[in-house]
Amino acid sequence: MKGSKDLLSSVLKTTQMGQIGIRCVLKAPLKTTLRTALKSQLQEYDSIEQEAHALAANRGWELEELDPAIKFMSRAMTRSMLSFGNVNSKAAAMMINGNTRGMIKSLKNLHQFNNSDERVSTISQKLLDCETANIKQMQGFL
């Protein structure tokens, strides 16, 4: 059970990180098509986060959330990186990099906790699929 709870906590933190990154990028002056794509990705992350919280609540688990210091540093770094140059291309590259890190983390966790229960594995796989789709979607904005 600990492996399943740890995997679900990791899913939660990854979705929160994705949401923070997208919300920060959405403050920049972006092309309408990029803004629309990012809002869609934000909704997907929010949906997965809600699913993780609901499953944890159903099982009586308290999940580890993303550290506030990481949230602060992510916001600061994003603002700095988008302060000059081609904002759309930079934003897409940042999203691709973030999703790639999330994919790597998700794959490692799926392999490490390969005996977790099916519902947790399904949510984790859903996040992995979401990140893969996000990368493909952002490639057109580079």
Protein backbone atom coordinates (compact mmCIF):
# COMPACT_ATOMS: atom_id res chain seq x y z
CA MET A 1 0.00 0.00 0.00
CA LYS A 2 2.87 2.41 0.73
CA GLY A 3 4.08 2.08 -2.86
CA SER A 4 0.64 2.96 -4.18
CA LYS A 5 0.38 5.97 -1.89
CA ASP A 6 3.87 7.15 -2.88
CA LEU A 7 3.05 6.76 -6.57
CA LEU A 8 -0.17 8.72 -6.14
CA SER A 9 1.69 11.46 -4.24
CA SER A 10 4.14 11.70 -7.11
CA VAL A 11 1.28 11.98 -9.61
CA LEU A 12 -0.23 14.76 -7.50
CA LYS A 13 3.05 16.71 -7.30
CA THR A 14 3.65 16.34 -11.03
CA THR A 15 0.18 17.63 -11.89
CA GLN A 16 0.64 20.55 -9.51
CA MET A 17 3.98 21.41 -11.08
CA GLY A 18 2.42 21.32 -14.54
CA GLN A 19 -0.40 23.59 -13.43
CA ILE A 20 2.00 26.10 -11.88
CA GLY A 21 4.10 26.20 -15.03
CA ILE A 22 1.12 26.67 -17.32
CA ARG A 23 -0.52 29.33 -15.15
CA CYS A 24 2.72 31.28 -15.07
CA VAL A 25 3.19 31.01 -18.84
CA LEU A 26 -0.41 32.09 -19.44
CA LYS A 27 0.46 35.49 -17.93
CA ALA A 28 2.70 36.18 -20.95
CA PRO A 29 1.43 37.64 -24.24
CA LEU A 30 0.91 34.42 -26.23
CA LYS A 31 -0.59 33.55 -29.60
CA THR A 32 -4.24 32.64 -29.27
CA THR A 33 -3.67 29.08 -30.48
CA LEU A 34 -0.90 28.50 -27.93
CA ARG A 35 -2.99 30.02 -25.14
CA THR A 36 -5.91 27.73 -26.08
CA ALA A 37 -3.66 24.65 -26.11
CA LEU A 38 -2.20 25.53 -22.71
CA LYS A 39 -5.63 26.09 -21.18
CA SER A 40 -6.66 22.65 -22.42
CA GLN A 41 -3.53 21.11 -20.88
CA LEU A 42 -4.26 22.94 -17.62
CA GLN A 43 -7.73 21.38 -17.51
CA GLU A 44 -6.24 17.94 -18.10
CA TYR A 45 -3.77 18.37 -15.22
CA ASP A 46 -6.56 19.66 -13.00
CA SER A 47 -8.71 16.64 -13.85
CA ILE A 48 -5.90 14.20 -13.03
CA GLU A 49 -5.15 16.06 -9.78
CA GLN A 50 -8.82 15.86 -8.75
CA GLU A 51 -8.87 12.16 -9.58
CA ALA A 52 -5.77 11.59 -7.42
CA HIS A 53 -7.29 13.54 -4.50
CA ALA A 54 -10.57 11.65 -4.80
CA LEU A 55 -8.85 8.25 -4.78
CA ALA A 56 -6.69 9.26 -1.81
CA ALA A 57 -9.73 10.51 0.11
CA ASN A 58 -11.58 7.29 -0.69
CA ARG A 59 -8.70 5.31 0.80
CA GLY A 60 -8.08 7.60 3.76
CA TRP A 61 -4.64 8.59 2.51
CA GLU A 62 -3.05 11.99 3.00
CA LEU A 63 -0.89 12.72 -0.02
CA GLU A 64 2.32 14.72 -0.01
CA GLU A 65 1.82 18.01 -1.85
CA LEU A 66 4.33 20.06 -3.82
CA ASP A 67 6.72 22.06 -1.64
CA PRO A 68 5.86 25.81 -1.58
CA ALA A 69 9.52 26.70 -2.18
CA ILE A 70 9.48 24.74 -5.42
CA LYS A 71 6.33 26.59 -6.47
CA PHE A 72 7.99 29.95 -5.78
CA MET A 73 11.19 29.05 -7.63
CA SER A 74 9.26 27.74 -10.62
CA ARG A 75 7.27 30.96 -10.92
CA ALA A 76 10.39 33.11 -10.65
CA MET A 77 12.28 31.07 -13.23
CA THR A 78 9.37 31.15 -15.67
CA ARG A 79 9.00 34.92 -15.42
CA SER A 80 12.72 35.35 -15.99
CA MET A 81 12.84 33.04 -19.00
CA LEU A 82 9.89 34.71 -20.71
CA SER A 83 11.09 38.28 -20.17
CA PHE A 84 12.66 38.63 -23.64
CA GLY A 85 12.82 37.03 -27.08
CA ASN A 86 10.19 34.93 -28.86
CA VAL A 87 7.79 34.29 -26.01
CA ASN A 88 5.71 31.69 -27.88
CA SER A 89 8.68 29.53 -28.83
CA LYS A 90 10.23 29.85 -25.36
CA ALA A 91 6.94 28.97 -23.68
CA ALA A 92 6.53 25.89 -25.89
CA ALA A 93 10.12 24.82 -25.18
CA MET A 94 9.58 25.27 -21.44
CA MET A 95 6.42 23.18 -21.60
CA ILE A 96 8.20 20.45 -23.56
CA ASN A 97 11.06 20.41 -21.04
CA GLY A 98 8.67 20.27 -18.09
CA ASN A 99 6.59 17.50 -19.63
CA THR A 100 9.74 15.55 -20.46
CA ARG A 101 10.89 15.76 -16.83
CA GLY A 102 7.41 14.68 -15.76
CA MET A 103 7.48 11.74 -18.16
CA ILE A 104 10.84 10.58 -16.87
CA LYS A 105 9.63 10.81 -13.29
CA SER A 106 6.40 9.00 -14.14
CA LEU A 107 8.20 6.18 -15.94
CA LYS A 108 10.68 5.72 -13.09
CA ASN A 109 7.83 5.63 -10.59
CA LEU A 110 5.80 3.17 -12.63
CA HIS A 111 8.83 0.86 -12.77
CA GLN A 112 9.73 1.36 -9.11
CA PHE A 113 6.17 0.84 -7.88
CA ASN A 114 5.14 -1.76 -10.44
CA ASN A 115 3.19 -3.66 -7.80
CA SER A 116 0.92 -0.74 -6.95
CA ASP A 117 -2.81 -1.25 -7.22
CA GLU A 118 -4.57 -0.95 -10.54
CA ARG A 119 -6.44 2.33 -9.90
CA VAL A 120 -3.23 4.13 -8.91
CA SER A 121 -1.35 2.68 -11.87
CA THR A 122 -4.18 3.78 -14.17
CA ILE A 123 -4.01 7.38 -12.92
CA SER A 124 -0.23 7.35 -13.26
CA GLN A 125 -0.48 6.03 -16.82
CA LYS A 126 -3.09 8.68 -17.59
CA LEU A 127 -0.59 11.35 -16.49
CA LEU A 128 2.12 9.79 -18.61
CA ASP A 129 -0.18 9.76 -21.66
CA CYS A 130 -1.14 13.37 -20.97
CA GLU A 131 2.52 14.45 -20.86
CA THR A 132 3.27 12.61 -24.09
CA ALA A 133 0.37 14.32 -25.85
CA ASN A 134 1.41 17.70 -24.43
CA ILE A 135 4.90 17.36 -25.86
CA LYS A 136 3.54 16.54 -29.31
CA GLN A 137 1.13 19.44 -29.13
CA MET A 138 3.81 21.97 -28.12
CA GLN A 139 6.24 20.94 -30.89
CA GLY A 140 4.26 22.95 -33.41
CA PHE A 141 4.84 26.16 -31.43
CA LEU A 142 8.65 26.00 -31.36
